[in-house]
Each structure stands twice: as C-alpha cells, then as structure tokens.
C-alpha atoms as a PDB file:
ATOM      1  CA  MET A   1      59.022 -45.904  25.111  1.00  0.00           C
ATOM      2  CA  ASN A   2      60.427 -44.056  28.122  1.00  0.00           C
ATOM      3  CA  ILE A   3      58.485 -42.447  30.920  1.00  0.00           C
ATOM      4  CA  PHE A   4      58.880 -38.931  29.477  1.00  0.00           C
ATOM      5  CA  ALA A   5      57.175 -39.930  26.235  1.00  0.00           C
ATOM      6  CA  ILE A   6      54.364 -41.555  28.162  1.00  0.00           C
ATOM      7  CA  ASP A   7      53.885 -38.408  30.281  1.00  0.00           C
ATOM      8  CA  HIS A   8      53.869 -36.267  27.120  1.00  0.00           C
ATOM      9  CA  LEU A   9      51.224 -38.430  25.428  1.00  0.00           C
ATOM     10  CA  THR A  10      49.180 -38.442  28.617  1.00  0.00           C
ATOM     11  CA  SER A  11      49.301 -34.643  28.763  1.00  0.00           C
ATOM     12  CA  ILE A  12      48.194 -34.352  25.129  1.00  0.00           C
ATOM     13  CA  TRP A  13      45.354 -36.803  25.711  1.00  0.00           C
ATOM     14  CA  ASN A  14      44.173 -34.929  28.816  1.00  0.00           C
ATOM     15  CA  PHE A  15      44.324 -31.623  26.922  1.00  0.00           C
ATOM     16  CA  LEU A  16      42.325 -33.003  24.011  1.00  0.00           C
ATOM     17  CA  LEU A  17      39.814 -34.579  26.360  1.00  0.00           C
ATOM     18  CA  GLN A  18      39.362 -31.383  28.383  1.00  0.00           C
ATOM     19  CA  SER A  19      39.120 -29.265  25.215  1.00  0.00           C
ATOM     20  CA  SER A  20      36.572 -31.577  23.599  1.00  0.00           C
ATOM     21  CA  VAL A  21      34.490 -31.632  26.772  1.00  0.00           C
ATOM     22  CA  LYS A  22      34.711 -27.831  27.060  1.00  0.00           C
ATOM     23  CA  TYR A  23      33.752 -27.171  23.438  1.00  0.00           C
ATOM     24  CA  SER A  24      31.028 -29.803  23.553  1.00  0.00           C
ATOM     25  CA  ILE A  25      29.496 -28.089  26.574  1.00  0.00           C
ATOM     26  CA  ASN A  26      29.828 -24.701  24.855  1.00  0.00           C
ATOM     27  CA  ALA A  27      28.264 -26.076  21.689  1.00  0.00           C
ATOM     28  CA  VAL A  28      25.331 -27.523  23.629  1.00  0.00           C
ATOM     29  CA  LEU A  29      24.907 -24.237  25.529  1.00  0.00           C
ATOM     30  CA  ALA A  30      25.079 -22.311  22.254  1.00  0.00           C
ATOM     31  CA  ILE A  31      22.340 -24.469  20.739  1.00  0.00           C
ATOM     32  CA  VAL A  32      20.217 -24.066  23.869  1.00  0.00           C
ATOM     33  CA  ILE A  33      20.737 -20.280  23.848  1.00  0.00           C
ATOM     34  CA  LEU A  34      19.900 -20.123  20.133  1.00  0.00           C
ATOM     35  CA  ILE A  35      16.690 -22.127  20.517  1.00  0.00           C
ATOM     36  CA  PHE A  36      15.671 -20.216  23.642  1.00  0.00           C
ATOM     37  CA  GLY A  37      16.459 -16.838  22.032  1.00  0.00           C
ATOM     38  CA  TRP A  38      14.452 -17.659  18.911  1.00  0.00           C
ATOM     39  CA  TRP A  39      11.530 -18.832  21.039  1.00  0.00           C
ATOM     40  CA  LEU A  40      11.759 -15.795  23.316  1.00  0.00           C
ATOM     41  CA  SER A  41      11.894 -13.389  20.374  1.00  0.00           C
ATOM     42  CA  SER A  42       8.711 -14.837  18.878  1.00  0.00           C
ATOM     43  CA  LEU A  43       7.035 -14.876  22.303  1.00  0.00           C
ATOM     44  CA  LEU A  44       7.874 -11.229  23.001  1.00  0.00           C
ATOM     45  CA  ALA A  45       6.963 -10.073  19.495  1.00  0.00           C
ATOM     46  CA  ASN A  46       3.581 -11.837  19.521  1.00  0.00           C
ATOM     47  CA  GLY A  47       2.882 -10.709  23.080  1.00  0.00           C
ATOM     48  CA  LEU A  48       3.664  -7.113  22.140  1.00  0.00           C
ATOM     49  CA  LYS A  49       1.378  -7.420  19.126  1.00  0.00           C
ATOM     50  CA  ARG A  50      -1.500  -8.583  21.336  1.00  0.00           C
ATOM     51  CA  ILE A  51      -0.852  -5.722  23.755  1.00  0.00           C
ATOM     52  CA  MET A  52      -0.925  -3.202  20.900  1.00  0.00           C
ATOM     53  CA  VAL A  53      -4.197  -4.680  19.633  1.00  0.00           C
ATOM     54  CA  ARG A  54      -5.790  -4.381  23.091  1.00  0.00           C
ATOM     55  CA  ALA A  55      -4.399  -0.866  23.507  1.00  0.00           C
ATOM     56  CA  ASP A  56      -5.864   0.059  20.085  1.00  0.00           C
ATOM     57  CA  ILE A  57      -2.475   1.092  18.710  1.00  0.00           C
ATOM     58  CA  ASP A  58      -2.593   2.131  15.061  1.00  0.00           C
ATOM     59  CA  ALA A  59      -2.636  -0.977  12.860  1.00  0.00           C
ATOM     60  CA  THR A  60      -0.059   0.669  10.612  1.00  0.00           C
ATOM     61  CA  LEU A  61       2.609   0.557  13.353  1.00  0.00           C
ATOM     62  CA  ARG A  62       1.981  -2.939  14.700  1.00  0.00           C
ATOM     63  CA  PRO A  63       3.900  -5.055  12.156  1.00  0.00           C
ATOM     64  CA  VAL A  64       6.880  -2.675  12.164  1.00  0.00           C
ATOM     65  CA  VAL A  65       7.208  -2.575  15.956  1.00  0.00           C
ATOM     66  CA  ARG A  66       6.818  -6.349  16.087  1.00  0.00           C
ATOM     67  CA  SER A  67       9.585  -6.850  13.511  1.00  0.00           C
ATOM     68  CA  ILE A  68      11.962  -4.491  15.340  1.00  0.00           C
ATOM     69  CA  VAL A  69      11.509  -6.278  18.668  1.00  0.00           C
ATOM     70  CA  LEU A  70      11.777  -9.698  17.023  1.00  0.00           C
ATOM     71  CA  TRP A  71      15.102  -9.043  15.315  1.00  0.00           C
ATOM     72  CA  MET A  72      16.636  -7.085  18.198  1.00  0.00           C
ATOM     73  CA  VAL A  73      16.177 -10.081  20.497  1.00  0.00           C
ATOM     74  CA  ARG A  74      17.512 -12.420  17.816  1.00  0.00           C
ATOM     75  CA  LEU A  75      20.570 -10.221  17.279  1.00  0.00           C
ATOM     76  CA  VAL A  76      21.354 -10.330  21.004  1.00  0.00           C
ATOM     77  CA  THR A  77      20.867 -14.099  20.871  1.00  0.00           C
ATOM     78  CA  LEU A  78      23.385 -14.472  18.039  1.00  0.00           C
ATOM     79  CA  ILE A  79      25.937 -12.378  19.930  1.00  0.00           C
ATOM     80  CA  ALA A  80      25.450 -14.571  23.022  1.00  0.00           C
ATOM     81  CA  VAL A  81      25.909 -17.694  20.896  1.00  0.00           C
ATOM     82  CA  LEU A  82      29.174 -16.378  19.480  1.00  0.00           C
ATOM     83  CA  GLY A  83      30.304 -15.516  23.002  1.00  0.00           C
ATOM     84  CA  GLN A  84      30.052 -19.177  23.953  1.00  0.00           C
ATOM     85  CA  PHE A  85      32.841 -19.916  21.484  1.00  0.00           C
ATOM     86  CA  GLY A  86      35.159 -17.284  22.907  1.00  0.00           C
ATOM     87  CA  VAL A  87      34.468 -14.500  20.436  1.00  0.00           C
ATOM     88  CA  GLN A  88      35.041 -11.126  22.142  1.00  0.00           C
ATOM     89  CA  THR A  89      32.309  -8.482  22.112  1.00  0.00           C
ATOM     90  CA  ALA A  90      34.662  -5.899  20.635  1.00  0.00           C
ATOM     91  CA  SER A  91      35.395  -8.248  17.775  1.00  0.00           C
ATOM     92  CA  ILE A  92      31.692  -8.809  17.218  1.00  0.00           C
ATOM     93  CA  VAL A  93      31.049  -5.061  17.093  1.00  0.00           C
ATOM     94  CA  ALA A  94      33.922  -4.579  14.645  1.00  0.00           C
ATOM     95  CA  ILE A  95      32.671  -7.426  12.459  1.00  0.00           C
ATOM     96  CA  LEU A  96      29.113  -6.101  12.537  1.00  0.00           C
ATOM     97  CA  GLY A  97      30.356  -2.618  11.660  1.00  0.00           C
ATOM     98  CA  ALA A  98      32.354  -3.868   8.698  1.00  0.00           C
ATOM     99  CA  ALA A  99      29.533  -6.156   7.592  1.00  0.00           C
ATOM    100  CA  GLY A 100      27.036  -3.331   7.985  1.00  0.00           C
ATOM    101  CA  LEU A 101      29.152  -1.051   5.802  1.00  0.00           C
ATOM    102  CA  ALA A 102      29.521  -3.729   3.128  1.00  0.00           C
ATOM    103  CA  ILE A 103      25.849  -4.629   3.222  1.00  0.00           C
ATOM    104  CA  GLY A 104      24.882  -0.964   3.169  1.00  0.00           C
ATOM    105  CA  LEU A 105      26.902  -0.371   0.003  1.00  0.00           C
ATOM    106  CA  ALA A 106      25.563  -3.513  -1.638  1.00  0.00           C
ATOM    107  CA  LEU A 107      21.943  -2.945  -0.634  1.00  0.00           C
ATOM    108  CA  GLN A 108      21.456   0.769  -1.150  1.00  0.00           C
ATOM    109  CA  GLY A 109      18.037   0.201  -2.660  1.00  0.00           C
ATOM    110  CA  THR A 110      16.955  -1.916   0.291  1.00  0.00           C
ATOM    111  CA  LEU A 111      18.112   0.723   2.767  1.00  0.00           C
ATOM    112  CA  GLN A 112      16.199   3.327   0.779  1.00  0.00           C
ATOM    113  CA  ASN A 113      13.096   1.194   1.173  1.00  0.00           C
ATOM    114  CA  ILE A 114      13.665   1.051   4.946  1.00  0.00           C
ATOM    115  CA  ALA A 115      14.114   4.830   5.129  1.00  0.00           C
ATOM    116  CA  ALA A 116      11.033   5.335   2.954  1.00  0.00           C
ATOM    117  CA  GLY A 117       9.062   2.960   5.187  1.00  0.00           C
ATOM    118  CA  MET A 118      10.005   4.968   8.279  1.00  0.00           C
ATOM    119  CA  MET A 119       8.949   8.202   6.564  1.00  0.00           C
ATOM    120  CA  LEU A 120       5.645   6.647   5.513  1.00  0.00           C
ATOM    121  CA  LEU A 121       5.018   5.572   9.099  1.00  0.00           C
ATOM    122  CA  PHE A 122       5.993   8.984  10.467  1.00  0.00           C
ATOM    123  CA  LEU A 123       4.149  11.266   8.025  1.00  0.00           C
ATOM    124  CA  ARG A 124       1.184   8.923   7.423  1.00  0.00           C
ATOM    125  CA  PRO A 125       0.211   9.746   3.817  1.00  0.00           C
ATOM    126  CA  PHE A 126      -1.877   6.568   4.038  1.00  0.00           C
ATOM    127  CA  GLN A 127      -2.904   4.032   6.655  1.00  0.00           C
ATOM    128  CA  VAL A 128      -4.063   0.430   6.743  1.00  0.00           C
ATOM    129  CA  GLY A 129      -7.497   0.090   5.153  1.00  0.00           C
ATOM    130  CA  GLU A 130      -7.204   3.116   2.834  1.00  0.00           C
ATOM    131  CA  TYR A 131      -7.317   2.938  -0.971  1.00  0.00           C
ATOM    132  CA  ILE A 132      -4.349   4.634  -2.661  1.00  0.00           C
ATOM    133  CA  SER A 133      -2.875   5.102  -6.138  1.00  0.00           C
ATOM    134  CA  ASN A 134       0.366   6.557  -7.461  1.00  0.00           C
ATOM    135  CA  GLY A 135      -0.515   6.279 -11.141  1.00  0.00           C
ATOM    136  CA  SER A 136       1.177   2.929 -11.728  1.00  0.00           C
ATOM    137  CA  VAL A 137      -0.118   0.846  -8.808  1.00  0.00           C
ATOM    138  CA  GLU A 138      -3.235   1.111  -6.687  1.00  0.00           C
ATOM    139  CA  GLY A 139      -5.101  -0.878  -4.064  1.00  0.00           C
ATOM    140  CA  THR A 140      -6.232  -1.099  -0.461  1.00  0.00           C
ATOM    141  CA  VAL A 141      -3.391  -0.950   2.068  1.00  0.00           C
ATOM    142  CA  ASN A 142      -3.115  -4.150   4.120  1.00  0.00           C
ATOM    143  CA  GLU A 143       0.269  -3.723   5.767  1.00  0.00           C
ATOM    144  CA  ILE A 144       3.184  -1.273   5.800  1.00  0.00           C
ATOM    145  CA  GLY A 145       6.443  -3.144   6.379  1.00  0.00           C
ATOM    146  CA  LEU A 146      10.043  -2.037   6.686  1.00  0.00           C
ATOM    147  CA  PHE A 147      10.802  -2.947   3.072  1.00  0.00           C
ATOM    148  CA  ALA A 148       7.496  -3.050   1.189  1.00  0.00           C
ATOM    149  CA  THR A 149       3.826  -2.177   1.481  1.00  0.00           C
ATOM    150  CA  LYS A 150       1.221  -4.869   0.917  1.00  0.00           C
ATOM    151  CA  LEU A 151      -1.797  -3.856  -1.166  1.00  0.00           C
ATOM    152  CA  THR A 152      -4.919  -5.649  -2.326  1.00  0.00           C
ATOM    153  CA  LYS A 153      -6.053  -4.547  -5.772  1.00  0.00           C
ATOM    154  CA  ALA A 154      -9.704  -4.022  -6.671  1.00  0.00           C
ATOM    155  CA  ASP A 155      -9.787  -7.425  -8.378  1.00  0.00           C
ATOM    156  CA  GLY A 156      -8.523  -9.183  -5.222  1.00  0.00           C
ATOM    157  CA  ILE A 157      -4.897  -9.635  -6.346  1.00  0.00           C
ATOM    158  CA  CYS A 158      -2.230  -9.193  -3.652  1.00  0.00           C
ATOM    159  CA  LEU A 159       0.487  -6.674  -4.551  1.00  0.00           C
ATOM    160  CA  PHE A 160       3.797  -5.923  -2.785  1.00  0.00           C
ATOM    161  CA  VAL A 161       5.181  -2.464  -3.584  1.00  0.00           C
ATOM    162  CA  PRO A 162       8.658  -1.291  -2.472  1.00  0.00           C
ATOM    163  CA  ASN A 163       8.309   1.571  -0.005  1.00  0.00           C
ATOM    164  CA  ASN A 164      10.679   3.733  -2.031  1.00  0.00           C
ATOM    165  CA  GLN A 165       8.352   3.548  -5.031  1.00  0.00           C
ATOM    166  CA  LEU A 166       5.466   4.912  -2.976  1.00  0.00           C
ATOM    167  CA  TRP A 167       7.497   7.542  -1.131  1.00  0.00           C
ATOM    168  CA  ASN A 168       9.107   9.042  -4.259  1.00  0.00           C
ATOM    169  CA  SER A 169       5.891   9.503  -6.237  1.00  0.00           C
ATOM    170  CA  ALA A 170       2.742  11.568  -5.939  1.00  0.00           C
ATOM    171  CA  LEU A 171       0.072   9.596  -4.092  1.00  0.00           C
ATOM    172  CA  THR A 172      -3.693   9.844  -4.325  1.00  0.00           C
ATOM    173  CA  ASN A 173      -5.511   8.734  -1.191  1.00  0.00           C
ATOM    174  CA  PHE A 174      -9.142   8.033  -2.071  1.00  0.00           C
ATOM    175  CA  SER A 175     -10.179   7.115   1.485  1.00  0.00           C
ATOM    176  CA  ARG A 176      -8.686   9.887   3.619  1.00  0.00           C
ATOM    177  CA  HIS A 177     -11.714  12.174   3.433  1.00  0.00           C
ATOM    178  CA  THR A 178     -15.199  11.046   4.345  1.00  0.00           C
ATOM    179  CA  THR A 179     -16.924  12.622   1.314  1.00  0.00           C
ATOM    180  CA  ARG A 180     -16.203  12.683  -2.435  1.00  0.00           C
ATOM    181  CA  ARG A 181     -17.548  14.625  -5.398  1.00  0.00           C
ATOM    182  CA  MET A 182     -18.527  13.008  -8.675  1.00  0.00           C
ATOM    183  CA  ASP A 183     -18.990  14.644 -12.082  1.00  0.00           C
ATOM    184  CA  ILE A 184     -21.142  12.773 -14.578  1.00  0.00           C
ATOM    185  CA  PRO A 185     -21.468  14.156 -18.127  1.00  0.00           C
ATOM    186  CA  ALA A 186     -24.664  13.781 -20.161  1.00  0.00           C
ATOM    187  CA  GLY A 187     -25.581  14.973 -23.653  1.00  0.00           C
ATOM    188  CA  ILE A 188     -28.970  16.026 -25.026  1.00  0.00           C
ATOM    189  CA  SER A 189     -30.066  16.873 -28.538  1.00  0.00           C
ATOM    190  CA  TYR A 190     -29.949  20.430 -29.874  1.00  0.00           C
ATOM    191  CA  HIS A 191     -33.700  20.098 -30.407  1.00  0.00           C
ATOM    192  CA  ASP A 192     -34.287  19.630 -26.654  1.00  0.00           C
ATOM    193  CA  ASP A 193     -34.718  22.337 -24.022  1.00  0.00           C
ATOM    194  CA  PRO A 194     -31.796  22.231 -21.535  1.00  0.00           C
ATOM    195  CA  ALA A 195     -33.954  23.720 -18.787  1.00  0.00           C
ATOM    196  CA  VAL A 196     -36.393  20.796 -19.022  1.00  0.00           C
ATOM    197  CA  ALA A 197     -33.545  18.290 -18.856  1.00  0.00           C
ATOM    198  CA  ILE A 198     -31.984  20.057 -15.868  1.00  0.00           C
ATOM    199  CA  ARG A 199     -35.258  20.030 -13.922  1.00  0.00           C
ATOM    200  CA  ALA A 200     -35.770  16.317 -14.651  1.00  0.00           C
ATOM    201  CA  LEU A 201     -32.257  15.434 -13.519  1.00  0.00           C
ATOM    202  CA  GLN A 202     -32.567  17.539 -10.364  1.00  0.00           C
ATOM    203  CA  ALA A 203     -35.802  15.756  -9.493  1.00  0.00           C
ATOM    204  CA  MET A 204     -34.064  12.398  -9.997  1.00  0.00           C
ATOM    205  CA  LEU A 205     -31.201  13.422  -7.694  1.00  0.00           C
ATOM    206  CA  ALA A 206     -33.621  14.584  -5.006  1.00  0.00           C
ATOM    207  CA  THR A 207     -35.037  11.048  -4.664  1.00  0.00           C
ATOM    208  CA  ASP A 208     -31.653   9.533  -3.672  1.00  0.00           C
ATOM    209  CA  ALA A 209     -31.065   9.910   0.071  1.00  0.00           C
ATOM    210  CA  ARG A 210     -27.394   8.971  -0.295  1.00  0.00           C
ATOM    211  CA  ILE A 211     -26.653  12.202  -2.163  1.00  0.00           C
ATOM    212  CA  LEU A 212     -25.531  14.822   0.335  1.00  0.00           C
ATOM    213  CA  PRO A 213     -27.584  18.049   0.493  1.00  0.00           C
ATOM    214  CA  THR A 214     -24.417  20.088   1.202  1.00  0.00           C
ATOM    215  CA  PRO A 215     -22.760  21.000  -1.078  1.00  0.00           C
ATOM    216  CA  GLU A 216     -25.970  21.282  -3.077  1.00  0.00           C
ATOM    217  CA  PRO A 217     -26.357  18.959  -6.100  1.00  0.00           C
ATOM    218  CA  LEU A 218     -25.734  20.830  -9.330  1.00  0.00           C
ATOM    219  CA  VAL A 219     -26.804  20.261 -12.950  1.00  0.00           C
ATOM    220  CA  VAL A 220     -25.456  22.763 -15.487  1.00  0.00           C
ATOM    221  CA  VAL A 221     -24.748  23.187 -19.194  1.00  0.00           C
ATOM    222  CA  THR A 222     -21.006  22.913 -19.724  1.00  0.00           C
ATOM    223  CA  ASP A 223     -20.483  22.786 -23.488  1.00  0.00           C
ATOM    224  CA  HIS A 224     -22.048  22.809 -26.936  1.00  0.00           C
ATOM    225  CA  ALA A 225     -20.392  19.853 -28.606  1.00  0.00           C
ATOM    226  CA  ASP A 226     -20.561  18.755 -32.246  1.00  0.00           C
ATOM    227  CA  SER A 227     -23.748  16.766 -31.877  1.00  0.00           C
ATOM    228  CA  ALA A 228     -25.071  17.434 -28.361  1.00  0.00           C
ATOM    229  CA  ILE A 229     -25.560  20.004 -25.650  1.00  0.00           C
ATOM    230  CA  MET A 230     -23.377  18.733 -22.791  1.00  0.00           C
ATOM    231  CA  LEU A 231     -24.699  18.745 -19.238  1.00  0.00           C
ATOM    232  CA  ASN A 232     -22.716  18.010 -16.090  1.00  0.00           C
ATOM    233  CA  ILE A 233     -24.188  16.383 -12.987  1.00  0.00           C
ATOM    234  CA  ARG A 234     -22.144  17.308  -9.919  1.00  0.00           C
ATOM    235  CA  VAL A 235     -23.066  15.746  -6.580  1.00  0.00           C
ATOM    236  CA  TRP A 236     -21.367  14.793  -3.310  1.00  0.00           C
ATOM    237  CA  ALA A 237     -21.658  11.480  -1.473  1.00  0.00           C
ATOM    238  CA  THR A 238     -19.865   9.701   1.324  1.00  0.00           C
ATOM    239  CA  THR A 239     -16.744   7.816   0.285  1.00  0.00           C
ATOM    240  CA  ALA A 240     -18.416   4.522   1.194  1.00  0.00           C
ATOM    241  CA  ASP A 241     -21.409   5.257  -1.103  1.00  0.00           C
ATOM    242  CA  PHE A 242     -19.466   6.902  -3.942  1.00  0.00           C
ATOM    243  CA  TRP A 243     -19.461   4.111  -6.516  1.00  0.00           C
ATOM    244  CA  ALA A 244     -22.956   2.842  -5.713  1.00  0.00           C
ATOM    245  CA  VAL A 245     -24.401   6.338  -6.171  1.00  0.00           C
ATOM    246  CA  ARG A 246     -22.473   6.908  -9.390  1.00  0.00           C
ATOM    247  CA  TRP A 247     -23.598   3.627 -10.909  1.00  0.00           C
ATOM    248  CA  ASP A 248     -27.241   4.270  -9.976  1.00  0.00           C
ATOM    249  CA  ILE A 249     -27.186   7.750 -11.535  1.00  0.00           C
ATOM    250  CA  CYS A 250     -25.661   6.409 -14.756  1.00  0.00           C
ATOM    251  CA  GLN A 251     -28.299   3.660 -14.877  1.00  0.00           C
ATOM    252  CA  LYS A 252     -31.236   6.097 -14.430  1.00  0.00           C
ATOM    253  CA  LEU A 253     -29.837   8.833 -16.656  1.00  0.00           C
ATOM    254  CA  ARG A 254     -31.275   7.775 -20.032  1.00  0.00           C
ATOM    255  CA  ALA A 255     -34.711   6.851 -18.695  1.00  0.00           C
ATOM    256  CA  THR A 256     -34.976  10.167 -16.826  1.00  0.00           C
ATOM    257  CA  LEU A 257     -34.129  12.236 -19.905  1.00  0.00           C
ATOM    258  CA  GLU A 258     -36.467  10.248 -22.152  1.00  0.00           C
ATOM    259  CA  SER A 259     -39.324  10.627 -19.642  1.00  0.00           C
ATOM    260  CA  ALA A 260     -38.808  14.402 -19.852  1.00  0.00           C
ATOM    261  CA  GLY A 261     -39.012  14.310 -23.654  1.00  0.00           C
ATOM    262  CA  CYS A 262     -35.263  14.667 -24.179  1.00  0.00           C
ATOM    263  CA  SER A 263     -32.931  12.361 -26.038  1.00  0.00           C
ATOM    264  CA  MET A 264     -29.265  11.397 -25.811  1.00  0.00           C
ATOM    265  CA  PRO A 265     -28.088  11.646 -29.446  1.00  0.00           C
ATOM    266  CA  PHE A 266     -25.402   9.592 -31.104  1.00  0.00           C
ATOM    267  CA  PRO A 267     -22.411  11.503 -32.421  1.00  0.00           C
ATOM    268  CA  THR A 268     -23.235  12.670 -35.943  1.00  0.00           C
ATOM    269  CA  ARG A 269     -21.433  14.581 -38.665  1.00  0.00           C
ATOM    270  CA  HIS A 270     -23.041  16.533 -41.520  1.00  0.00           C
ATOM    271  CA  LEU A 271     -21.195  16.606 -44.849  1.00  0.00           C
ATOM    272  CA  HIS A 272     -21.861  19.362 -47.384  1.00  0.00           C
ATOM    273  CA  ILE A 273     -20.630  18.422 -50.882  1.00  0.00           C
ATOM    274  CA  MET A 274     -19.912  21.414 -53.122  1.00  0.00           C
ATOM    275  CA  ARG A 275     -19.911  20.817 -56.883  1.00  0.00           C
ATOM    276  CA  ASP A 276     -17.460  22.657 -59.121  1.00  0.00           C
ATOM    277  CA  PRO A 277     -19.217  23.676 -62.390  1.00  0.00           C
ATOM    278  CA  GLU A 278     -15.939  23.901 -64.305  1.00  0.00           C
ATOM    279  CA  SER A 279     -14.915  20.349 -63.392  1.00  0.00           C
ATOM    280  CA  GLU A 280     -18.376  19.045 -64.346  1.00  0.00           C
ATOM    281  CA  ALA A 281     -18.159  20.802 -67.695  1.00  0.00           C
ATOM    282  CA  ALA A 282     -14.783  19.254 -68.357  1.00  0.00           C
END
C-alpha cells in the first residue's frame, strides 16, 4: 500500500470520525432540547392555568388557552429539534404547509369540531356548570375543549360530545336563567266543584316558601277531558329548587284534593249497547 492510499484512508477515517462526533453532539442536543421543550411547555401551561384561576378567568376558557400554549411551545420545540439536524426553516414551513393541507383534507370533521369549539367559546351558548340538552344528548357541562365537550349526565355517566354536534343543533340551556316555571296537571271528578279544588291547591302552594310570589302562582281549569276536569298548577321557582318543589307538589297533590272533598278519578269509558229489534226477531 503506497503513501497516497494511506493518506486517502486517513482522510476518510477523519471525516467519518468528525461526522459521527458532530451528529452525536447534535443528537444529544436534540434530545436535550426535546426534553426541555416538553418540560417547559407543561410548566408554562400549568402556570398559566394557575394564573387564570387566581385571576378568576372564566372556567370555560381555561382548558382551551392551556392547550393552545402547550402545543405552541411544543411545535417550536420540534422545529428546533429538526434544526439541529440541518433542516432549514423554509423547508420546515413548506413541509408543515403541505402536511397541514393533507391533514386538513383528511380531517375535515375534526377541523369542523375545532371551528365549532371556537364558536362555542366566543358566543357562549353554555358555560361550565350549566345543564344543557340538544334533544339527543344532555348533561352538565364539565369542560369545553377544542374537539369535544365533556358532559356529566344526570345518572353520573361521563359523556364526550363532538363540538360540531352541539353547534349545529338547537340547544336548550336549563341553567342560564335563575328562575323556571313548572306546569303540573291534575284531574278532578265531574262531581266535584272546581272552585273548591282551586282554593285548596292555592292554599297548599301558599305554604311553600320556595315558590316565588312573582309571577303569582296560578291554578286554573284547562280542559274537560273524557273522565275528569283538568286543572293546571303553574308556579315559578328558582332553578336550584325546581325539581324539589315539583316533586313536593306532586306528592301533596292527592292528599290536598281529598282533604277538600275532591277526588282524582281513574280514566273511565261508558258503553251504551243498542239492541236491534229486527236482528233479535231473526
């Protein structure tokens, strides 16, 4: 082996050694940057969440703002990691643009959920802690995220609903107003005096302090059904007391009417049988 071959092998060895050392250092730095960026993102996101709690920022916005800050810092971290391996920023932007277009076409439904989540946060048809229903799902709102809203149903079951499903349907918010009206039907016999029943029910309502005096409680005759005269009890209560008041009224209803000499009849039907003399003669 001549001296030129030895010099050539030496040059290749030095190049490989320098390259391996360089890429090893870059790889170690990339790992350090990745770990530090992930730690910093969580630190900033959790710190911002605590600041928002102390500043009494709306609980509806807290998880969304936290998620945005978390993933923005992580995105910058990933770009810095790629930069350690010689990837140019322009190339990263081009790759992200192409990837974003592809992902956007593939995940149209997901992007719709994000857009719907932003509209829900902006227009505030409901907030954390309110009870809502759109006809197919209902529950108490626990969290409004970028993709889905977390609800707790009345039976304690956790439910995740895509934001788009809530945004594109009519919503009923049972907790937005502080007062609610209830209508409770009651039937009395045709042999009873409706005025006596109305006075007895009004006296029963007057004993419940949870029933609001304004609007005034109302008991009226609404219909003459097949087997009963139908009364309607219409009262207002606070949203917090709504169900307790309704259940108490339903529980006292029969005893109150019976104490006033009225009865709640069962549905009955009278049949009149007409005989045909010609058919009997045959």
